[in-house]
C-alpha atoms as a PDB file:
ATOM      1  CA  UNK A   1      86.450 124.935  77.160  1.00  0.00           C
ATOM      2  CA  UNK A   2      88.798 122.337  78.583  1.00  0.00           C
ATOM      3  CA  UNK A   3      92.156 121.678  76.793  1.00  0.00           C
ATOM      4  CA  UNK A   4      93.818 118.405  76.489  1.00  0.00           C
ATOM      5  CA  UNK A   5      96.342 119.480  79.198  1.00  0.00           C
ATOM      6  CA  UNK A   6      93.522 120.343  81.621  1.00  0.00           C
ATOM      7  CA  UNK A   7      91.807 117.008  81.034  1.00  0.00           C
ATOM      8  CA  UNK A   8      95.108 115.166  81.624  1.00  0.00           C
ATOM      9  CA  UNK A   9      95.669 117.119  84.888  1.00  0.00           C
ATOM     10  CA  UNK A  10      92.244 116.490  86.131  1.00  0.00           C
ATOM     11  CA  UNK A  11      92.484 112.831  85.218  1.00  0.00           C
ATOM     12  CA  UNK A  12      95.739 112.594  87.071  1.00  0.00           C
ATOM     13  CA  UNK A  13      94.224 114.344  90.101  1.00  0.00           C
ATOM     14  CA  UNK A  14      91.279 111.903  89.951  1.00  0.00           C
ATOM     15  CA  UNK A  15      93.544 108.853  89.769  1.00  0.00           C
ATOM     16  CA  UNK A  16      95.798 110.039  92.646  1.00  0.00           C
ATOM     17  CA  UNK A  17      92.887 111.040  94.819  1.00  0.00           C
ATOM     18  CA  UNK A  18      91.334 107.670  94.387  1.00  0.00           C
ATOM     19  CA  UNK A  19      94.526 105.783  94.938  1.00  0.00           C
ATOM     20  CA  UNK A  20      95.480 107.677  98.096  1.00  0.00           C
ATOM     21  CA  UNK A  21      91.988 107.461  99.398  1.00  0.00           C
ATOM     22  CA  UNK A  22      91.982 103.680  98.929  1.00  0.00           C
ATOM     23  CA  UNK A  23      95.334 103.448 100.590  1.00  0.00           C
ATOM     24  CA  UNK A  24      94.118 105.361 103.599  1.00  0.00           C
ATOM     25  CA  UNK A  25      91.015 103.160 103.888  1.00  0.00           C
ATOM     26  CA  UNK A  26      93.104 100.098 103.676  1.00  0.00           C
ATOM     27  CA  UNK A  27      95.258 101.316 106.517  1.00  0.00           C
ATOM     28  CA  UNK A  28      92.211 102.023 108.553  1.00  0.00           C
ATOM     29  CA  UNK A  29      90.983  98.441 107.848  1.00  0.00           C
ATOM     30  CA  UNK A  30      94.379  97.065 109.079  1.00  0.00           C
ATOM     31  CA  UNK A  31      94.178  99.218 112.233  1.00  0.00           C
ATOM     32  CA  UNK A  32      90.705  97.660 112.905  1.00  0.00           C
ATOM     33  CA  UNK A  33      91.803  94.228 112.342  1.00  0.00           C
ATOM     34  CA  UNK A  34      94.791  94.774 114.741  1.00  0.00           C
ATOM     35  CA  UNK A  35      92.392  96.089 117.369  1.00  0.00           C
ATOM     36  CA  UNK A  36      90.161  93.110 117.058  1.00  0.00           C
ATOM     37  CA  UNK A  37      93.033  90.573 116.950  1.00  0.00           C
ATOM     38  CA  UNK A  38      95.391  91.930 119.672  1.00  0.00           C
ATOM     39  CA  UNK A  39      93.297  94.475 121.612  1.00  0.00           C
ATOM     40  CA  UNK A  40      93.881  98.206 121.862  1.00  0.00           C
ATOM     41  CA  UNK A  41      95.975  97.849 125.001  1.00  0.00           C
ATOM     42  CA  UNK A  42      98.490  95.260 123.693  1.00  0.00           C
ATOM     43  CA  UNK A  43     102.138  96.129 122.991  1.00  0.00           C
ATOM     44  CA  UNK A  44     101.886  94.688 119.424  1.00  0.00           C
ATOM     45  CA  UNK A  45      98.982  96.959 118.544  1.00  0.00           C
ATOM     46  CA  UNK A  46     100.772 100.020 120.056  1.00  0.00           C
ATOM     47  CA  UNK A  47     103.835  99.447 117.928  1.00  0.00           C
ATOM     48  CA  UNK A  48     102.001  98.937 114.667  1.00  0.00           C
ATOM     49  CA  UNK A  49      99.305 101.461 115.299  1.00  0.00           C
ATOM     50  CA  UNK A  50     101.788 104.308 115.666  1.00  0.00           C
ATOM     51  CA  UNK A  51     103.285 103.575 112.221  1.00  0.00           C
ATOM     52  CA  UNK A  52      99.973 102.965 110.602  1.00  0.00           C
ATOM     53  CA  UNK A  53      98.732 106.361 112.016  1.00  0.00           C
ATOM     54  CA  UNK A  54     101.803 107.990 110.683  1.00  0.00           C
ATOM     55  CA  UNK A  55     101.162 106.564 107.145  1.00  0.00           C
ATOM     56  CA  UNK A  56      97.463 107.627 107.396  1.00  0.00           C
ATOM     57  CA  UNK A  57      98.440 111.126 108.373  1.00  0.00           C
ATOM     58  CA  UNK A  58     100.976 111.303 105.468  1.00  0.00           C
ATOM     59  CA  UNK A  59      98.269 110.302 103.055  1.00  0.00           C
ATOM     60  CA  UNK A  60      95.941 112.935 104.495  1.00  0.00           C
ATOM     61  CA  UNK A  61      98.654 115.513 103.956  1.00  0.00           C
ATOM     62  CA  UNK A  62      99.189 114.297 100.428  1.00  0.00           C
ATOM     63  CA  UNK A  63      95.429 114.447  99.760  1.00  0.00           C
ATOM     64  CA  UNK A  64      95.392 118.063 101.198  1.00  0.00           C
ATOM     65  CA  UNK A  65      98.251 119.130  98.960  1.00  0.00           C
ATOM     66  CA  UNK A  66      96.401 117.550  96.001  1.00  0.00           C
ATOM     67  CA  UNK A  67      93.680 120.150  96.449  1.00  0.00           C
ATOM     68  CA  UNK A  68      96.315 122.882  96.202  1.00  0.00           C
ATOM     69  CA  UNK A  69      98.061 121.680  92.915  1.00  0.00           C
ATOM     70  CA  UNK A  70      95.085 120.527  91.053  1.00  0.00           C
ATOM     71  CA  UNK A  71      93.008 123.025  89.010  1.00  0.00           C
ATOM     72  CA  UNK A  72      90.608 125.120  90.959  1.00  0.00           C
ATOM     73  CA  UNK A  73      87.638 123.681  89.158  1.00  0.00           C
ATOM     74  CA  UNK A  74      88.512 120.051  89.802  1.00  0.00           C
ATOM     75  CA  UNK A  75      85.889 118.444  91.832  1.00  0.00           C
ATOM     76  CA  UNK A  76      87.549 115.234  92.905  1.00  0.00           C
ATOM     77  CA  UNK A  77      87.457 115.847  96.690  1.00  0.00           C
ATOM     78  CA  UNK A  78      83.801 116.890  96.409  1.00  0.00           C
ATOM     79  CA  UNK A  79      82.424 113.436  95.497  1.00  0.00           C
ATOM     80  CA  UNK A  80      79.850 112.389  97.994  1.00  0.00           C
ATOM     81  CA  UNK A  81      79.530 115.918  99.526  1.00  0.00           C
ATOM     82  CA  UNK A  82      76.195 117.651  99.602  1.00  0.00           C
ATOM     83  CA  UNK A  83      76.099 120.965  97.720  1.00  0.00           C
ATOM     84  CA  UNK A  84      73.147 122.276  99.561  1.00  0.00           C
ATOM     85  CA  UNK A  85      72.097 122.359 103.220  1.00  0.00           C
ATOM     86  CA  UNK A  86      68.591 122.462 104.571  1.00  0.00           C
ATOM     87  CA  UNK A  87      67.672 122.845 108.249  1.00  0.00           C
ATOM     88  CA  UNK A  88      64.245 121.858 109.397  1.00  0.00           C
ATOM     89  CA  UNK A  89      62.468 124.482 111.531  1.00  0.00           C
ATOM     90  CA  UNK A  90      62.020 121.803 114.349  1.00  0.00           C
ATOM     91  CA  UNK A  91      65.884 121.627 114.679  1.00  0.00           C
ATOM     92  CA  UNK A  92      66.156 125.243 115.801  1.00  0.00           C
ATOM     93  CA  UNK A  93      67.145 125.821 119.399  1.00  0.00           C
ATOM     94  CA  UNK A  94      64.351 126.616 121.837  1.00  0.00           C
ATOM     95  CA  UNK A  95      66.502 129.007 123.867  1.00  0.00           C
ATOM     96  CA  UNK A  96      67.783 132.575 122.967  1.00  0.00           C
ATOM     97  CA  UNK A  97      70.044 132.785 119.889  1.00  0.00           C
ATOM     98  CA  UNK A  98      73.643 133.351 120.851  1.00  0.00           C
ATOM     99  CA  UNK A  99      76.266 134.438 118.322  1.00  0.00           C
ATOM    100  CA  UNK A 100      79.139 131.976 117.845  1.00  0.00           C
ATOM    101  CA  UNK A 101      81.599 134.876 117.914  1.00  0.00           C
ATOM    102  CA  UNK A 102      83.747 136.297 120.607  1.00  0.00           C
ATOM    103  CA  UNK A 103      82.174 136.066 124.012  1.00  0.00           C
ATOM    104  CA  UNK A 104      85.293 137.300 125.773  1.00  0.00           C
ATOM    105  CA  UNK A 105      85.976 139.374 128.756  1.00  0.00           C
END
């Protein structure tokens, strides 16, 4: 049974997750617009792109931290993620099966 405190924390986590995700998406839009306007090789794009990437990385880091500080049963980061996986038999490799483990020498 969820308590009021848990509900408020999950609501806070949902709000922050949505806000940071929207900010990151907006930064990506700005980067795309800069690429189309000035070209990826221009000096102006290079100067702005570096800072925009820094901001996007910072938001990614904050989103990652959010998964650590929010309750373990919070599902905010799982929105849009499939909970089951199915592989069609036709997708199997035709060759011999090789383990993905250590192949070393």
